[in-house]
Amino acid sequence: MDWMRSHGTLIAVGVEGTGAYGAELVRVLTAAGVTVIDVDRPDRKTRRTKGKSDPIDAYAAATAVASGRATGIPKSRDGVVEAVRVLRVARRSAVKART
């Protein structure tokens, strides 16, 4: 948080993969009172022409948030839906272990 705020006023943060590998980052940022926007992956055409590059992806995410193109709301991963997901994972694991 200190590093992000050292670059200027922090209005919002764009995060790719908020339902999977970015879920914990979203939890930390949300707990700190930061607005989090779910950003889509870069389109395939851009990735084909420019290749996979974390700096390019980060710049594209920041541009999408700043311009208002990215408007996704990340899932909170709590409540009833998360409880059902946890139960399904446990059941699937139990069935697999038994068979």
C-alpha atoms as a PDB file:
ATOM      1  CA  MET A   1       0.000   0.000   0.000  1.00  0.00           C
ATOM      2  CA  ASP A   2       2.824   2.393   0.848  1.00  0.00           C
ATOM      3  CA  TRP A   3       4.490   1.708  -2.503  1.00  0.00           C
ATOM      4  CA  MET A   4       1.267   2.337  -4.463  1.00  0.00           C
ATOM      5  CA  ARG A   5       0.500   5.502  -2.549  1.00  0.00           C
ATOM      6  CA  SER A   6       4.074   6.765  -3.038  1.00  0.00           C
ATOM      7  CA  HIS A   7       3.287   7.200  -6.748  1.00  0.00           C
ATOM      8  CA  GLY A   8       0.395   9.611  -6.200  1.00  0.00           C
ATOM      9  CA  THR A   9      -3.221   9.630  -5.127  1.00  0.00           C
ATOM     10  CA  LEU A  10      -4.658   6.113  -5.144  1.00  0.00           C
ATOM     11  CA  ILE A  11      -8.157   6.203  -6.621  1.00  0.00           C
ATOM     12  CA  ALA A  12      -8.666   2.616  -7.778  1.00  0.00           C
ATOM     13  CA  VAL A  13      -6.691  -0.533  -8.488  1.00  0.00           C
ATOM     14  CA  GLY A  14      -7.286  -2.842 -11.440  1.00  0.00           C
ATOM     15  CA  VAL A  15      -6.755  -6.534 -10.723  1.00  0.00           C
ATOM     16  CA  GLU A  16      -6.892  -9.377 -13.237  1.00  0.00           C
ATOM     17  CA  GLY A  17      -8.159 -12.747 -12.001  1.00  0.00           C
ATOM     18  CA  THR A  18     -10.060 -11.525  -8.948  1.00  0.00           C
ATOM     19  CA  GLY A  19     -11.896 -14.831  -8.614  1.00  0.00           C
ATOM     20  CA  ALA A  20      -8.773 -16.990  -8.606  1.00  0.00           C
ATOM     21  CA  TYR A  21      -5.130 -16.018  -8.139  1.00  0.00           C
ATOM     22  CA  GLY A  22      -5.942 -12.370  -7.399  1.00  0.00           C
ATOM     23  CA  ALA A  23      -8.570 -13.095  -4.726  1.00  0.00           C
ATOM     24  CA  GLU A  24      -6.289 -12.533  -1.737  1.00  0.00           C
ATOM     25  CA  LEU A  25      -4.965  -9.288  -3.210  1.00  0.00           C
ATOM     26  CA  VAL A  26      -8.554  -8.095  -3.615  1.00  0.00           C
ATOM     27  CA  ARG A  27      -9.300  -8.960   0.036  1.00  0.00           C
ATOM     28  CA  VAL A  28      -6.270  -6.998   1.269  1.00  0.00           C
ATOM     29  CA  LEU A  29      -6.989  -3.961  -0.908  1.00  0.00           C
ATOM     30  CA  THR A  30     -10.689  -3.929  -0.023  1.00  0.00           C
ATOM     31  CA  ALA A  31      -9.886  -4.170   3.702  1.00  0.00           C
ATOM     32  CA  ALA A  32      -7.596  -1.150   3.268  1.00  0.00           C
ATOM     33  CA  GLY A  33     -10.482   0.829   1.744  1.00  0.00           C
ATOM     34  CA  VAL A  34      -9.209   0.806  -1.840  1.00  0.00           C
ATOM     35  CA  THR A  35     -11.651   0.585  -4.746  1.00  0.00           C
ATOM     36  CA  VAL A  36     -10.876  -2.569  -6.739  1.00  0.00           C
ATOM     37  CA  ILE A  37     -11.907  -3.027 -10.383  1.00  0.00           C
ATOM     38  CA  ASP A  38     -11.914  -6.443 -12.062  1.00  0.00           C
ATOM     39  CA  VAL A  39      -9.909  -6.142 -15.300  1.00  0.00           C
ATOM     40  CA  ASP A  40     -10.255  -8.561 -18.211  1.00  0.00           C
ATOM     41  CA  ARG A  41      -7.238 -10.271 -19.726  1.00  0.00           C
ATOM     42  CA  PRO A  42      -5.630  -8.443 -22.635  1.00  0.00           C
ATOM     43  CA  ASP A  43      -7.180  -9.432 -25.947  1.00  0.00           C
ATOM     44  CA  ARG A  44      -5.520 -12.225 -27.919  1.00  0.00           C
ATOM     45  CA  LYS A  45      -4.616 -10.033 -30.864  1.00  0.00           C
ATOM     46  CA  THR A  46      -2.551  -7.726 -28.665  1.00  0.00           C
ATOM     47  CA  ARG A  47      -0.870 -10.649 -26.942  1.00  0.00           C
ATOM     48  CA  ARG A  48      -0.056 -12.268 -30.280  1.00  0.00           C
ATOM     49  CA  THR A  49       1.525  -9.129 -31.711  1.00  0.00           C
ATOM     50  CA  LYS A  50       3.324  -7.896 -28.574  1.00  0.00           C
ATOM     51  CA  GLY A  51       3.786 -11.166 -26.688  1.00  0.00           C
ATOM     52  CA  LYS A  52       3.294 -11.917 -23.012  1.00  0.00           C
ATOM     53  CA  SER A  53       4.715  -9.135 -20.919  1.00  0.00           C
ATOM     54  CA  ASP A  54       3.808  -8.285 -17.327  1.00  0.00           C
ATOM     55  CA  PRO A  55       4.697  -4.577 -17.721  1.00  0.00           C
ATOM     56  CA  ILE A  56       2.530  -4.317 -20.855  1.00  0.00           C
ATOM     57  CA  ASP A  57      -0.334  -6.156 -19.111  1.00  0.00           C
ATOM     58  CA  ALA A  58      -0.047  -3.897 -16.043  1.00  0.00           C
ATOM     59  CA  TYR A  59      -0.072  -0.771 -18.203  1.00  0.00           C
ATOM     60  CA  ALA A  60      -3.125  -2.056 -20.126  1.00  0.00           C
ATOM     61  CA  ALA A  61      -4.947  -2.765 -16.844  1.00  0.00           C
ATOM     62  CA  ALA A  62      -4.128   0.679 -15.460  1.00  0.00           C
ATOM     63  CA  THR A  63      -5.249   2.341 -18.690  1.00  0.00           C
ATOM     64  CA  ALA A  64      -8.518   0.376 -18.696  1.00  0.00           C
ATOM     65  CA  VAL A  65      -9.301   1.454 -15.120  1.00  0.00           C
ATOM     66  CA  ALA A  66      -8.295   5.093 -15.643  1.00  0.00           C
ATOM     67  CA  SER A  67     -10.330   5.410 -18.853  1.00  0.00           C
ATOM     68  CA  GLY A  68     -13.423   3.747 -17.384  1.00  0.00           C
ATOM     69  CA  ARG A  69     -13.420   0.814 -19.840  1.00  0.00           C
ATOM     70  CA  ALA A  70     -12.932  -1.676 -16.996  1.00  0.00           C
ATOM     71  CA  THR A  71     -15.967  -1.612 -14.741  1.00  0.00           C
ATOM     72  CA  GLY A  72     -16.079  -5.156 -13.340  1.00  0.00           C
ATOM     73  CA  ILE A  73     -16.869  -5.589  -9.676  1.00  0.00           C
ATOM     74  CA  PRO A  74     -14.799  -8.361  -8.079  1.00  0.00           C
ATOM     75  CA  LYS A  75     -16.603 -11.164  -6.302  1.00  0.00           C
ATOM     76  CA  SER A  76     -16.455 -10.874  -2.532  1.00  0.00           C
ATOM     77  CA  ARG A  77     -15.864 -14.634  -2.106  1.00  0.00           C
ATOM     78  CA  ASP A  78     -17.863 -14.776   1.093  1.00  0.00           C
ATOM     79  CA  GLY A  79     -21.440 -15.401   2.137  1.00  0.00           C
ATOM     80  CA  VAL A  80     -23.746 -18.165   0.940  1.00  0.00           C
ATOM     81  CA  VAL A  81     -22.143 -18.668  -2.478  1.00  0.00           C
ATOM     82  CA  GLU A  82     -18.693 -19.175  -0.976  1.00  0.00           C
ATOM     83  CA  ALA A  83     -20.098 -21.540   1.660  1.00  0.00           C
ATOM     84  CA  VAL A  84     -21.724 -23.682  -1.044  1.00  0.00           C
ATOM     85  CA  ARG A  85     -18.488 -23.684  -3.038  1.00  0.00           C
ATOM     86  CA  VAL A  86     -16.521 -24.909  -0.011  1.00  0.00           C
ATOM     87  CA  LEU A  87     -19.076 -27.671   0.602  1.00  0.00           C
ATOM     88  CA  ARG A  88     -18.906 -28.766  -3.051  1.00  0.00           C
ATOM     89  CA  VAL A  89     -15.108 -28.908  -2.945  1.00  0.00           C
ATOM     90  CA  ALA A  90     -15.200 -31.004   0.242  1.00  0.00           C
ATOM     91  CA  ARG A  91     -17.828 -33.359  -1.202  1.00  0.00           C
ATOM     92  CA  ARG A  92     -15.945 -33.780  -4.477  1.00  0.00           C
ATOM     93  CA  SER A  93     -12.790 -34.596  -2.540  1.00  0.00           C
ATOM     94  CA  ALA A  94     -14.604 -37.119  -0.317  1.00  0.00           C
ATOM     95  CA  VAL A  95     -16.196 -38.855  -3.313  1.00  0.00           C
ATOM     96  CA  LYS A  96     -12.842 -39.032  -5.093  1.00  0.00           C
ATOM     97  CA  ALA A  97     -11.129 -40.448  -2.006  1.00  0.00           C
ATOM     98  CA  ARG A  98     -13.818 -43.082  -1.554  1.00  0.00           C
ATOM     99  CA  THR A  99     -13.741 -44.255  -5.161  1.00  0.00           C
END
